[in-house]
Amino acid sequence: MRIIIVDDDNLVSLSLKTILEASGEIEVLDIGRNGEEAIVLFEKYKPDVLLMDIRMTTMSGLEAAKEILSKHPQGKILFLTTFSDDEYIIQALSLGAKGYILKQDFDSILPALKAVYSGQNVYGSNIVEKLPTLMQNPTRKFDYEKHGITPKEMELIVLVSKGLNNKEISEQLYLSEGTIRNYLSSILEKLQLRDRTQLAIFYLNNT
């Protein structure tokens, strides 16, 4: 797996590079120190995963992710930060980042990279614990019915927002995984969203 590390603490970046490459599964293509360098390095290398901090000098990771994903919507960005601020989490995932984990969860970094590389979305345990609370905002309303969302599709949206995969959803709704995939495609088209991560954040912001 080819990755880029971007963090304004050079010691952190070098330590990560040493540890991750020692696994034999990771090749660190380059290291950046801010969002501007992240954009340049992503364009240069087209890495499998960009491992990036959020708060950095000159340009933040969130600003860099927005620009990168606008040009490369299939790009895979995993945020690694010390901050679990609600607003950061919402912004990161709404931009289309594939994961958000905390530096304190050091042992989870390699598994998280592998999961993101394989197409999964990854949230640290601290982040997962926050999601239900973030979703309980009574001031946010959205008329799903007006956008053609059926009651069954609404059930699926809620389960996606809880982090369930297609197999788990199919077991809950007593439908085949193929049917779940078809429902999900229909929902994304109706709401003009790109993937299930954006769908979960959309629900979070509009419930």
N, C-alpha and C. Protein backbone atom coordinates (compact mmCIF):
# COMPACT_ATOMS: atom_id res chain seq x y z
N MET A 1 0.84 -1.19 0.00
CA MET A 1 0.00 0.00 0.00
C MET A 1 0.89 1.25 0.00
N ARG A 2 0.60 2.17 -0.89
CA ARG A 2 1.39 3.39 -1.02
C ARG A 2 0.66 4.55 -0.33
N ILE A 3 1.33 5.18 0.64
CA ILE A 3 0.66 6.26 1.36
C ILE A 3 1.55 7.51 1.43
N ILE A 4 0.91 8.62 1.77
CA ILE A 4 1.60 9.87 2.09
C ILE A 4 1.20 10.25 3.51
N ILE A 5 2.15 10.74 4.28
CA ILE A 5 1.88 11.22 5.63
C ILE A 5 2.02 12.74 5.65
N VAL A 6 1.01 13.43 6.18
CA VAL A 6 1.08 14.89 6.29
C VAL A 6 0.75 15.29 7.72
N ASP A 7 1.75 15.90 8.39
CA ASP A 7 1.60 16.32 9.79
C ASP A 7 2.62 17.42 10.04
N ASP A 8 2.23 18.46 10.75
CA ASP A 8 3.17 19.55 10.98
C ASP A 8 4.21 19.24 12.05
N ASP A 9 4.06 18.10 12.71
CA ASP A 9 5.07 17.63 13.66
C ASP A 9 5.94 16.60 12.94
N ASN A 10 7.15 17.02 12.54
CA ASN A 10 8.01 16.16 11.75
C ASN A 10 8.39 14.88 12.49
N LEU A 11 8.53 14.99 13.82
CA LEU A 11 8.88 13.80 14.61
C LEU A 11 7.78 12.76 14.54
N VAL A 12 6.54 13.22 14.58
CA VAL A 12 5.40 12.31 14.46
C VAL A 12 5.43 11.61 13.10
N SER A 13 5.64 12.39 12.05
CA SER A 13 5.66 11.83 10.69
C SER A 13 6.77 10.79 10.51
N LEU A 14 7.96 11.12 10.99
CA LEU A 14 9.09 10.20 10.85
C LEU A 14 8.87 8.93 11.67
N SER A 15 8.30 9.08 12.86
CA SER A 15 8.01 7.91 13.69
C SER A 15 6.98 7.01 13.02
N LEU A 16 5.94 7.64 12.48
CA LEU A 16 4.91 6.87 11.75
C LEU A 16 5.51 6.15 10.56
N LYS A 17 6.35 6.84 9.81
CA LYS A 17 6.99 6.25 8.64
C LYS A 17 7.79 5.01 9.03
N THR A 18 8.59 5.13 10.08
CA THR A 18 9.42 4.01 10.53
C THR A 18 8.58 2.82 10.96
N ILE A 19 7.56 3.09 11.76
CA ILE A 19 6.73 2.01 12.30
C ILE A 19 5.89 1.35 11.21
N LEU A 20 5.29 2.16 10.35
CA LEU A 20 4.41 1.60 9.32
C LEU A 20 5.20 0.81 8.27
N GLU A 21 6.35 1.32 7.87
CA GLU A 21 7.15 0.60 6.87
C GLU A 21 7.73 -0.68 7.44
N ALA A 22 7.94 -0.71 8.77
CA ALA A 22 8.45 -1.92 9.41
C ALA A 22 7.46 -3.08 9.31
N SER A 23 6.19 -2.76 9.07
CA SER A 23 5.18 -3.81 8.93
C SER A 23 5.35 -4.61 7.65
N GLY A 24 6.05 -4.00 6.68
CA GLY A 24 6.23 -4.67 5.40
C GLY A 24 5.05 -4.54 4.46
N GLU A 25 4.00 -3.85 4.92
CA GLU A 25 2.79 -3.70 4.11
C GLU A 25 2.59 -2.29 3.59
N ILE A 26 3.42 -1.36 4.07
CA ILE A 26 3.25 0.05 3.76
C ILE A 26 4.51 0.63 3.13
N GLU A 27 4.33 1.42 2.07
CA GLU A 27 5.42 2.21 1.50
C GLU A 27 5.04 3.69 1.66
N VAL A 28 5.81 4.43 2.43
CA VAL A 28 5.56 5.86 2.60
C VAL A 28 6.27 6.60 1.47
N LEU A 29 5.49 7.15 0.56
CA LEU A 29 6.03 7.80 -0.63
C LEU A 29 6.71 9.12 -0.31
N ASP A 30 6.12 9.86 0.64
CA ASP A 30 6.68 11.17 0.99
C ASP A 30 5.99 11.67 2.25
N ILE A 31 6.54 12.75 2.80
CA ILE A 31 6.00 13.36 4.01
C ILE A 31 5.77 14.85 3.76
N GLY A 32 4.61 15.36 4.20
CA GLY A 32 4.31 16.78 4.07
C GLY A 32 4.07 17.39 5.44
N ARG A 33 4.11 18.74 5.49
CA ARG A 33 3.98 19.41 6.79
C ARG A 33 2.73 20.28 6.91
N ASN A 34 1.98 20.46 5.82
CA ASN A 34 0.76 21.27 5.90
C ASN A 34 -0.16 20.93 4.74
N GLY A 35 -1.33 21.56 4.74
CA GLY A 35 -2.32 21.25 3.71
C GLY A 35 -1.86 21.55 2.30
N GLU A 36 -1.11 22.63 2.13
CA GLU A 36 -0.62 22.97 0.80
C GLU A 36 0.29 21.87 0.25
N GLU A 37 1.17 21.37 1.11
CA GLU A 37 2.05 20.28 0.67
C GLU A 37 1.27 19.01 0.41
N ALA A 38 0.19 18.80 1.17
CA ALA A 38 -0.65 17.62 0.96
C ALA A 38 -1.23 17.62 -0.45
N ILE A 39 -1.70 18.78 -0.90
CA ILE A 39 -2.28 18.90 -2.25
C ILE A 39 -1.24 18.60 -3.32
N VAL A 40 -0.05 19.20 -3.16
CA VAL A 40 1.03 19.00 -4.12
C VAL A 40 1.46 17.53 -4.18
N LEU A 41 1.63 16.93 -3.00
CA LEU A 41 2.09 15.54 -2.94
C LEU A 41 1.04 14.57 -3.46
N PHE A 42 -0.24 14.87 -3.21
CA PHE A 42 -1.30 13.99 -3.71
C PHE A 42 -1.31 14.01 -5.23
N GLU A 43 -1.17 15.20 -5.81
CA GLU A 43 -1.14 15.32 -7.27
C GLU A 43 0.07 14.59 -7.85
N LYS A 44 1.17 14.66 -7.16
CA LYS A 44 2.41 14.06 -7.66
C LYS A 44 2.37 12.53 -7.62
N TYR A 45 1.91 11.97 -6.50
CA TYR A 45 2.01 10.52 -6.30
C TYR A 45 0.73 9.73 -6.50
N LYS A 46 -0.44 10.37 -6.37
CA LYS A 46 -1.73 9.67 -6.40
C LYS A 46 -1.67 8.46 -5.45
N PRO A 47 -1.48 8.68 -4.16
CA PRO A 47 -1.31 7.58 -3.20
C PRO A 47 -2.58 6.76 -3.03
N ASP A 48 -2.42 5.55 -2.50
CA ASP A 48 -3.58 4.73 -2.18
C ASP A 48 -4.36 5.35 -1.03
N VAL A 49 -3.64 5.89 -0.05
CA VAL A 49 -4.27 6.54 1.11
C VAL A 49 -3.43 7.74 1.51
N LEU A 50 -4.09 8.83 1.84
CA LEU A 50 -3.43 10.01 2.41
C LEU A 50 -3.74 10.04 3.90
N LEU A 51 -2.71 9.90 4.72
CA LEU A 51 -2.85 9.94 6.18
C LEU A 51 -2.50 11.36 6.63
N MET A 52 -3.47 12.09 7.17
CA MET A 52 -3.26 13.52 7.37
C MET A 52 -3.84 14.03 8.68
N ASP A 53 -3.10 14.97 9.28
CA ASP A 53 -3.55 15.68 10.49
C ASP A 53 -4.58 16.73 10.07
N ILE A 54 -5.27 17.32 11.04
CA ILE A 54 -6.27 18.36 10.74
C ILE A 54 -5.71 19.75 11.00
N ARG A 55 -5.28 20.03 12.20
CA ARG A 55 -4.75 21.35 12.52
C ARG A 55 -3.28 21.44 12.11
N MET A 56 -3.01 22.26 11.11
CA MET A 56 -1.64 22.45 10.64
C MET A 56 -1.44 23.91 10.24
N THR A 57 -0.19 24.33 10.17
CA THR A 57 0.12 25.70 9.79
C THR A 57 -0.19 25.93 8.32
N THR A 58 -0.40 27.18 7.93
CA THR A 58 -0.63 27.61 6.55
C THR A 58 -1.99 27.18 6.02
N MET A 59 -2.22 25.85 5.95
CA MET A 59 -3.51 25.33 5.47
C MET A 59 -3.85 24.08 6.25
N SER A 60 -5.09 24.00 6.73
CA SER A 60 -5.51 22.84 7.53
C SER A 60 -5.73 21.61 6.67
N GLY A 61 -5.81 20.47 7.35
CA GLY A 61 -6.10 19.23 6.65
C GLY A 61 -7.48 19.23 6.03
N LEU A 62 -8.43 19.89 6.70
CA LEU A 62 -9.80 19.96 6.17
C LEU A 62 -9.84 20.75 4.87
N GLU A 63 -9.12 21.87 4.83
CA GLU A 63 -9.06 22.68 3.61
C GLU A 63 -8.41 21.91 2.48
N ALA A 64 -7.34 21.19 2.81
CA ALA A 64 -6.64 20.40 1.79
C ALA A 64 -7.53 19.28 1.27
N ALA A 65 -8.23 18.61 2.18
CA ALA A 65 -9.11 17.51 1.78
C ALA A 65 -10.20 17.99 0.84
N LYS A 66 -10.75 19.15 1.13
CA LYS A 66 -11.80 19.71 0.27
C LYS A 66 -11.30 19.90 -1.15
N GLU A 67 -10.10 20.46 -1.28
CA GLU A 67 -9.55 20.69 -2.62
C GLU A 67 -9.17 19.38 -3.31
N ILE A 68 -8.55 18.48 -2.57
CA ILE A 68 -8.13 17.20 -3.15
C ILE A 68 -9.33 16.39 -3.64
N LEU A 69 -10.35 16.28 -2.78
CA LEU A 69 -11.50 15.44 -3.13
C LEU A 69 -12.40 16.08 -4.19
N SER A 70 -12.31 17.39 -4.36
CA SER A 70 -13.06 18.03 -5.44
C SER A 70 -12.48 17.63 -6.79
N LYS A 71 -11.18 17.38 -6.83
CA LYS A 71 -10.52 16.96 -8.07
C LYS A 71 -10.43 15.44 -8.19
N HIS A 72 -10.34 14.78 -7.05
CA HIS A 72 -10.18 13.32 -7.03
C HIS A 72 -11.20 12.71 -6.07
N PRO A 73 -12.47 12.66 -6.47
CA PRO A 73 -13.53 12.19 -5.56
C PRO A 73 -13.34 10.77 -5.06
N GLN A 74 -12.53 9.98 -5.75
CA GLN A 74 -12.29 8.61 -5.31
C GLN A 74 -11.08 8.51 -4.39
N GLY A 75 -10.44 9.65 -4.13
CA GLY A 75 -9.27 9.65 -3.24
C GLY A 75 -9.63 9.20 -1.84
N LYS A 76 -8.69 8.55 -1.18
CA LYS A 76 -8.93 8.01 0.16
C LYS A 76 -8.10 8.79 1.18
N ILE A 77 -8.79 9.50 2.05
CA ILE A 77 -8.13 10.30 3.07
C ILE A 77 -8.52 9.80 4.45
N LEU A 78 -7.51 9.51 5.26
CA LEU A 78 -7.73 9.10 6.64
C LEU A 78 -7.15 10.18 7.55
N PHE A 79 -8.01 10.80 8.35
CA PHE A 79 -7.54 11.83 9.27
C PHE A 79 -7.01 11.18 10.55
N LEU A 80 -5.84 11.64 10.96
CA LEU A 80 -5.22 11.19 12.20
C LEU A 80 -4.90 12.43 13.02
N THR A 81 -5.59 12.62 14.12
CA THR A 81 -5.47 13.88 14.85
C THR A 81 -5.61 13.66 16.35
N THR A 82 -5.26 14.67 17.12
CA THR A 82 -5.44 14.61 18.57
C THR A 82 -6.78 15.22 18.97
N PHE A 83 -7.51 15.77 17.99
CA PHE A 83 -8.73 16.52 18.30
C PHE A 83 -9.99 15.75 17.92
N SER A 84 -10.91 15.64 18.87
CA SER A 84 -12.18 14.95 18.59
C SER A 84 -13.34 15.93 18.66
N ASP A 85 -13.09 17.19 18.27
CA ASP A 85 -14.14 18.21 18.26
C ASP A 85 -15.28 17.79 17.35
N ASP A 86 -16.51 17.99 17.80
CA ASP A 86 -17.68 17.60 17.00
C ASP A 86 -17.65 18.23 15.62
N GLU A 87 -17.32 19.52 15.56
CA GLU A 87 -17.34 20.21 14.28
C GLU A 87 -16.31 19.64 13.31
N TYR A 88 -15.15 19.29 13.82
CA TYR A 88 -14.12 18.68 12.98
C TYR A 88 -14.60 17.35 12.40
N ILE A 89 -15.23 16.56 13.26
CA ILE A 89 -15.71 15.24 12.82
C ILE A 89 -16.74 15.40 11.71
N ILE A 90 -17.71 16.29 11.92
CA ILE A 90 -18.75 16.52 10.93
C ILE A 90 -18.15 17.02 9.61
N GLN A 91 -17.26 18.00 9.69
CA GLN A 91 -16.64 18.54 8.48
C GLN A 91 -15.84 17.47 7.74
N ALA A 92 -15.04 16.72 8.47
CA ALA A 92 -14.18 15.71 7.85
C ALA A 92 -14.99 14.67 7.09
N LEU A 93 -16.03 14.16 7.71
CA LEU A 93 -16.81 13.11 7.08
C LEU A 93 -17.72 13.65 5.99
N SER A 94 -18.21 14.87 6.16
CA SER A 94 -19.07 15.46 5.12
C SER A 94 -18.26 15.78 3.87
N LEU A 95 -16.97 16.00 4.02
CA LEU A 95 -16.11 16.24 2.86
C LEU A 95 -15.90 14.98 2.05
N GLY A 96 -16.08 13.83 2.70
CA GLY A 96 -15.87 12.56 2.00
C GLY A 96 -14.65 11.80 2.47
N ALA A 97 -14.07 12.21 3.61
CA ALA A 97 -12.93 11.47 4.17
C ALA A 97 -13.38 10.05 4.51
N LYS A 98 -12.47 9.12 4.40
CA LYS A 98 -12.80 7.71 4.64
C LYS A 98 -12.63 7.29 6.09
N GLY A 99 -12.05 8.17 6.90
CA GLY A 99 -11.89 7.79 8.29
C GLY A 99 -11.40 8.93 9.15
N TYR A 100 -11.55 8.75 10.46
CA TYR A 100 -11.17 9.77 11.43
C TYR A 100 -10.78 9.02 12.69
N ILE A 101 -9.48 9.00 13.00
CA ILE A 101 -9.02 8.31 14.20
C ILE A 101 -8.10 9.24 14.99
N LEU A 102 -7.95 8.93 16.25
CA LEU A 102 -7.14 9.76 17.13
C LEU A 102 -5.73 9.19 17.29
N LYS A 103 -4.76 10.09 17.42
CA LYS A 103 -3.37 9.67 17.58
C LYS A 103 -3.18 8.83 18.83
N GLN A 104 -4.02 9.05 19.82
CA GLN A 104 -3.92 8.28 21.06
C GLN A 104 -4.15 6.79 20.80
N ASP A 105 -4.95 6.48 19.76
CA ASP A 105 -5.24 5.07 19.42
C ASP A 105 -4.15 4.55 18.48
N PHE A 106 -2.91 4.60 18.95
CA PHE A 106 -1.77 4.33 18.06
C PHE A 106 -1.83 2.95 17.41
N ASP A 107 -2.25 1.96 18.18
CA ASP A 107 -2.29 0.59 17.64
C ASP A 107 -3.31 0.42 16.53
N SER A 108 -4.24 1.37 16.42
CA SER A 108 -5.30 1.23 15.41
C SER A 108 -4.91 1.84 14.06
N ILE A 109 -3.76 2.51 13.98
CA ILE A 109 -3.41 3.23 12.75
C ILE A 109 -3.20 2.28 11.57
N LEU A 110 -2.40 1.24 11.75
CA LEU A 110 -2.16 0.30 10.65
C LEU A 110 -3.44 -0.42 10.24
N PRO A 111 -4.23 -0.98 11.18
CA PRO A 111 -5.50 -1.60 10.78
C PRO A 111 -6.44 -0.62 10.08
N ALA A 112 -6.44 0.63 10.53
CA ALA A 112 -7.31 1.63 9.92
C ALA A 112 -6.88 1.91 8.47
N LEU A 113 -5.58 2.02 8.24
CA LEU A 113 -5.09 2.23 6.89
C LEU A 113 -5.48 1.07 5.98
N LYS A 114 -5.33 -0.13 6.47
CA LYS A 114 -5.68 -1.32 5.67
C LYS A 114 -7.17 -1.36 5.37
N ALA A 115 -7.98 -0.97 6.36
CA ALA A 115 -9.43 -0.97 6.16
C ALA A 115 -9.84 0.07 5.12
N VAL A 116 -9.27 1.28 5.22
CA VAL A 116 -9.57 2.34 4.25
C VAL A 116 -9.12 1.92 2.86
N TYR A 117 -7.95 1.32 2.76
CA TYR A 117 -7.42 0.85 1.48
C TYR A 117 -8.36 -0.17 0.83
N SER A 118 -8.99 -1.00 1.67
CA SER A 118 -9.89 -2.03 1.14
C SER A 118 -11.29 -1.50 0.84
N GLY A 119 -11.51 -0.19 1.12
CA GLY A 119 -12.80 0.41 0.77
C GLY A 119 -13.73 0.66 1.93
N GLN A 120 -13.28 0.38 3.14
CA GLN A 120 -14.14 0.59 4.31
C GLN A 120 -13.99 2.02 4.85
N ASN A 121 -14.96 2.43 5.63
CA ASN A 121 -14.88 3.69 6.37
C ASN A 121 -14.52 3.36 7.81
N VAL A 122 -13.64 4.16 8.40
CA VAL A 122 -13.11 3.83 9.72
C VAL A 122 -13.26 5.02 10.66
N TYR A 123 -13.80 4.75 11.85
CA TYR A 123 -13.90 5.76 12.88
C TYR A 123 -13.32 5.20 14.17
N GLY A 124 -12.51 5.97 14.87
CA GLY A 124 -11.98 5.53 16.15
C GLY A 124 -13.10 5.34 17.16
N SER A 125 -12.84 4.58 18.20
CA SER A 125 -13.88 4.29 19.20
C SER A 125 -14.44 5.56 19.82
N ASN A 126 -13.58 6.55 20.05
CA ASN A 126 -14.04 7.82 20.62
C ASN A 126 -15.01 8.52 19.68
N ILE A 127 -14.76 8.38 18.39
CA ILE A 127 -15.61 9.04 17.38
C ILE A 127 -16.95 8.33 17.29
N VAL A 128 -16.93 7.00 17.27
CA VAL A 128 -18.16 6.22 17.19
C VAL A 128 -19.09 6.55 18.36
N GLU A 129 -18.51 6.73 19.54
CA GLU A 129 -19.30 7.05 20.72
C GLU A 129 -20.00 8.40 20.59
N LYS A 130 -19.41 9.31 19.83
CA LYS A 130 -19.98 10.65 19.68
C LYS A 130 -21.14 10.70 18.68
N LEU A 131 -21.14 9.80 17.70
CA LEU A 131 -22.10 9.90 16.60
C LEU A 131 -23.56 9.93 17.04
N PRO A 132 -23.98 9.05 17.97
CA PRO A 132 -25.39 9.10 18.38
C PRO A 132 -25.79 10.46 18.95
N THR A 133 -24.89 11.06 19.74
CA THR A 133 -25.18 12.37 20.33
C THR A 133 -25.27 13.44 19.26
N LEU A 134 -24.35 13.39 18.30
CA LEU A 134 -24.34 14.38 17.23
C LEU A 134 -25.62 14.30 16.40
N MET A 135 -26.16 13.09 16.31
CA MET A 135 -27.36 12.89 15.50
C MET A 135 -28.62 13.43 16.16
N GLN A 136 -28.57 13.63 17.48
CA GLN A 136 -29.77 14.04 18.20
C GLN A 136 -29.87 15.56 18.27
N ASN A 137 -30.10 16.18 17.12
CA ASN A 137 -30.25 17.63 17.07
C ASN A 137 -31.64 17.94 16.53
N PRO A 138 -32.59 18.28 17.39
CA PRO A 138 -33.99 18.45 16.98
C PRO A 138 -34.22 19.65 16.07
N THR A 139 -33.23 20.55 15.94
CA THR A 139 -33.45 21.74 15.11
C THR A 139 -33.21 21.46 13.63
N ARG A 140 -32.64 20.31 13.34
CA ARG A 140 -32.34 20.00 11.95
C ARG A 140 -33.45 19.13 11.37
N LYS A 141 -34.10 19.64 10.32
CA LYS A 141 -35.20 18.90 9.71
C LYS A 141 -35.02 18.84 8.20
N PHE A 142 -35.46 17.74 7.63
CA PHE A 142 -35.38 17.59 6.18
C PHE A 142 -36.57 16.74 5.74
N ASP A 143 -37.24 17.18 4.70
CA ASP A 143 -38.42 16.47 4.21
C ASP A 143 -37.98 15.37 3.23
N TYR A 144 -37.69 14.20 3.77
CA TYR A 144 -37.23 13.09 2.93
C TYR A 144 -38.32 12.64 1.96
N GLU A 145 -39.57 12.65 2.44
CA GLU A 145 -40.68 12.20 1.60
C GLU A 145 -40.81 13.06 0.35
N LYS A 146 -40.59 14.35 0.49
CA LYS A 146 -40.67 15.25 -0.66
C LYS A 146 -39.61 14.92 -1.72
N HIS A 147 -38.53 14.29 -1.28
CA HIS A 147 -37.46 13.91 -2.20
C HIS A 147 -37.59 12.45 -2.66
N GLY A 148 -38.76 11.87 -2.42
CA GLY A 148 -39.03 10.54 -2.95
C GLY A 148 -38.52 9.39 -2.11
N ILE A 149 -38.08 9.67 -0.88
CA ILE A 149 -37.57 8.61 -0.01
C ILE A 149 -38.73 7.84 0.61
N THR A 150 -38.77 6.53 0.39
CA THR A 150 -39.84 5.69 0.90
C THR A 150 -39.56 5.31 2.36
N PRO A 151 -40.58 4.82 3.08
CA PRO A 151 -40.37 4.39 4.47
C PRO A 151 -39.27 3.33 4.60
N LYS A 152 -39.24 2.39 3.66
CA LYS A 152 -38.21 1.34 3.70
C LYS A 152 -36.83 1.94 3.48
N GLU A 153 -36.72 2.88 2.55
CA GLU A 153 -35.45 3.55 2.31
C GLU A 153 -35.02 4.35 3.54
N MET A 154 -35.99 4.91 4.24
CA MET A 154 -35.69 5.68 5.45
C MET A 154 -35.11 4.77 6.53
N GLU A 155 -35.65 3.56 6.63
CA GLU A 155 -35.10 2.59 7.57
C GLU A 155 -33.64 2.30 7.25
N LEU A 156 -33.37 2.14 5.96
CA LEU A 156 -32.00 1.85 5.53
C LEU A 156 -31.06 3.01 5.85
N ILE A 157 -31.53 4.24 5.63
CA ILE A 157 -30.71 5.42 5.92
C ILE A 157 -30.31 5.45 7.40
N VAL A 158 -31.27 5.17 8.27
CA VAL A 158 -31.00 5.18 9.71
C VAL A 158 -29.95 4.13 10.06
N LEU A 159 -30.06 2.94 9.46
CA LEU A 159 -29.10 1.87 9.76
C LEU A 159 -27.71 2.20 9.21
N VAL A 160 -27.66 2.82 8.03
CA VAL A 160 -26.38 3.26 7.49
C VAL A 160 -25.73 4.27 8.42
N SER A 161 -26.54 5.18 8.95
CA SER A 161 -26.01 6.22 9.84
C SER A 161 -25.46 5.64 11.13
N LYS A 162 -25.89 4.43 11.48
CA LYS A 162 -25.39 3.76 12.68
C LYS A 162 -24.13 2.95 12.40
N GLY A 163 -23.69 2.97 11.13
CA GLY A 163 -22.44 2.29 10.79
C GLY A 163 -22.59 0.84 10.37
N LEU A 164 -23.82 0.37 10.15
CA LEU A 164 -24.01 -1.02 9.76
C LEU A 164 -23.61 -1.23 8.30
N ASN A 165 -23.02 -2.39 7.99
CA ASN A 165 -22.69 -2.71 6.60
C ASN A 165 -23.88 -3.38 5.93
N ASN A 166 -23.75 -3.67 4.63
CA ASN A 166 -24.89 -4.21 3.87
C ASN A 166 -25.39 -5.54 4.43
N LYS A 167 -24.46 -6.40 4.86
CA LYS A 167 -24.86 -7.69 5.40
C LYS A 167 -25.68 -7.51 6.68
N GLU A 168 -25.22 -6.62 7.56
CA GLU A 168 -25.93 -6.38 8.81
C GLU A 168 -27.30 -5.76 8.55
N ILE A 169 -27.36 -4.85 7.56
CA ILE A 169 -28.64 -4.21 7.23
C ILE A 169 -29.60 -5.23 6.65
N SER A 170 -29.09 -6.11 5.80
CA SER A 170 -29.96 -7.12 5.17
C SER A 170 -30.57 -8.04 6.23
N GLU A 171 -29.80 -8.33 7.27
CA GLU A 171 -30.31 -9.18 8.36
C GLU A 171 -31.39 -8.46 9.16
N GLN A 172 -31.22 -7.16 9.34
CA GLN A 172 -32.19 -6.38 10.12
C GLN A 172 -33.49 -6.18 9.35
N LEU A 173 -33.37 -5.95 8.03
CA LEU A 173 -34.56 -5.65 7.22
C LEU A 173 -35.12 -6.88 6.50
N TYR A 174 -34.45 -8.02 6.67
CA TYR A 174 -34.89 -9.27 6.03
C TYR A 174 -34.94 -9.13 4.51
N LEU A 175 -33.91 -8.51 3.95
CA LEU A 175 -33.79 -8.35 2.51
C LEU A 175 -32.42 -8.87 2.06
N SER A 176 -32.28 -9.20 0.79
CA SER A 176 -30.98 -9.67 0.30
C SER A 176 -29.99 -8.52 0.22
N GLU A 177 -28.70 -8.85 0.23
CA GLU A 177 -27.69 -7.81 0.12
C GLU A 177 -27.79 -7.09 -1.23
N GLY A 178 -28.19 -7.81 -2.26
CA GLY A 178 -28.37 -7.19 -3.58
C GLY A 178 -29.47 -6.13 -3.54
N THR A 179 -30.55 -6.46 -2.85
CA THR A 179 -31.66 -5.49 -2.71
C THR A 179 -31.21 -4.27 -1.92
N ILE A 180 -30.40 -4.50 -0.89
CA ILE A 180 -29.88 -3.39 -0.08
C ILE A 180 -29.03 -2.48 -0.95
N ARG A 181 -28.17 -3.07 -1.79
CA ARG A 181 -27.33 -2.27 -2.68
C ARG A 181 -28.17 -1.44 -3.64
N ASN A 182 -29.26 -2.05 -4.15
CA ASN A 182 -30.15 -1.32 -5.06
C ASN A 182 -30.85 -0.16 -4.36
N TYR A 183 -31.31 -0.42 -3.14
CA TYR A 183 -31.94 0.64 -2.34
C TYR A 183 -30.96 1.78 -2.12
N LEU A 184 -29.72 1.42 -1.75
CA LEU A 184 -28.71 2.42 -1.45
C LEU A 184 -28.41 3.28 -2.67
N SER A 185 -28.28 2.66 -3.83
CA SER A 185 -28.03 3.40 -5.07
C SER A 185 -29.16 4.37 -5.35
N SER A 186 -30.40 3.91 -5.14
CA SER A 186 -31.57 4.76 -5.37
C SER A 186 -31.57 5.95 -4.42
N ILE A 187 -31.24 5.70 -3.15
CA ILE A 187 -31.22 6.78 -2.15
C ILE A 187 -30.17 7.82 -2.51
N LEU A 188 -28.97 7.35 -2.86
CA LEU A 188 -27.88 8.28 -3.19
C LEU A 188 -28.25 9.14 -4.40
N GLU A 189 -28.92 8.53 -5.37
CA GLU A 189 -29.34 9.29 -6.56
C GLU A 189 -30.39 10.34 -6.20
N LYS A 190 -31.36 9.95 -5.37
CA LYS A 190 -32.43 10.88 -5.00
C LYS A 190 -31.89 12.07 -4.20
N LEU A 191 -30.92 11.81 -3.34
CA LEU A 191 -30.39 12.87 -2.48
C LEU A 191 -29.13 13.51 -3.06
N GLN A 192 -28.71 13.03 -4.24
CA GLN A 192 -27.53 13.56 -4.92
C GLN A 192 -26.29 13.52 -4.03
N LEU A 193 -26.06 12.33 -3.46
CA LEU A 193 -24.90 12.11 -2.61
C LEU A 193 -23.99 11.08 -3.27
N ARG A 194 -22.71 11.07 -2.84
CA ARG A 194 -21.73 10.23 -3.51
C ARG A 194 -21.62 8.82 -2.94
N ASP A 195 -21.66 8.70 -1.61
CA ASP A 195 -21.45 7.39 -0.99
C ASP A 195 -22.13 7.32 0.37
N ARG A 196 -22.01 6.17 1.02
CA ARG A 196 -22.72 5.95 2.28
C ARG A 196 -22.19 6.83 3.40
N THR A 197 -20.92 7.23 3.33
CA THR A 197 -20.40 8.15 4.35
C THR A 197 -21.11 9.49 4.26
N GLN A 198 -21.22 10.02 3.04
CA GLN A 198 -21.94 11.28 2.86
C GLN A 198 -23.39 11.14 3.29
N LEU A 199 -23.98 9.97 3.03
CA LEU A 199 -25.38 9.73 3.41
C LEU A 199 -25.52 9.78 4.94
N ALA A 200 -24.59 9.15 5.66
CA ALA A 200 -24.65 9.16 7.12
C ALA A 200 -24.53 10.57 7.67
N ILE A 201 -23.60 11.34 7.11
CA ILE A 201 -23.41 12.72 7.57
C ILE A 201 -24.60 13.59 7.20
N PHE A 202 -25.17 13.34 6.02
CA PHE A 202 -26.36 14.09 5.60
C PHE A 202 -27.50 13.85 6.59
N TYR A 203 -27.67 12.60 6.97
CA TYR A 203 -28.72 12.27 7.95
C TYR A 203 -28.43 12.95 9.28
N LEU A 204 -27.16 12.90 9.68
CA LEU A 204 -26.74 13.53 10.93
C LEU A 204 -27.06 15.02 10.94
N ASN A 205 -26.85 15.67 9.82
CA ASN A 205 -27.04 17.12 9.73
C ASN A 205 -28.48 17.54 9.49
N ASN A 206 -29.34 16.60 9.11
CA ASN A 206 -30.70 16.99 8.69
C ASN A 206 -31.79 16.17 9.35
N THR A 207 -31.55 15.77 10.58
CA THR A 207 -32.54 14.98 11.31
C THR A 207 -33.14 15.79 12.45
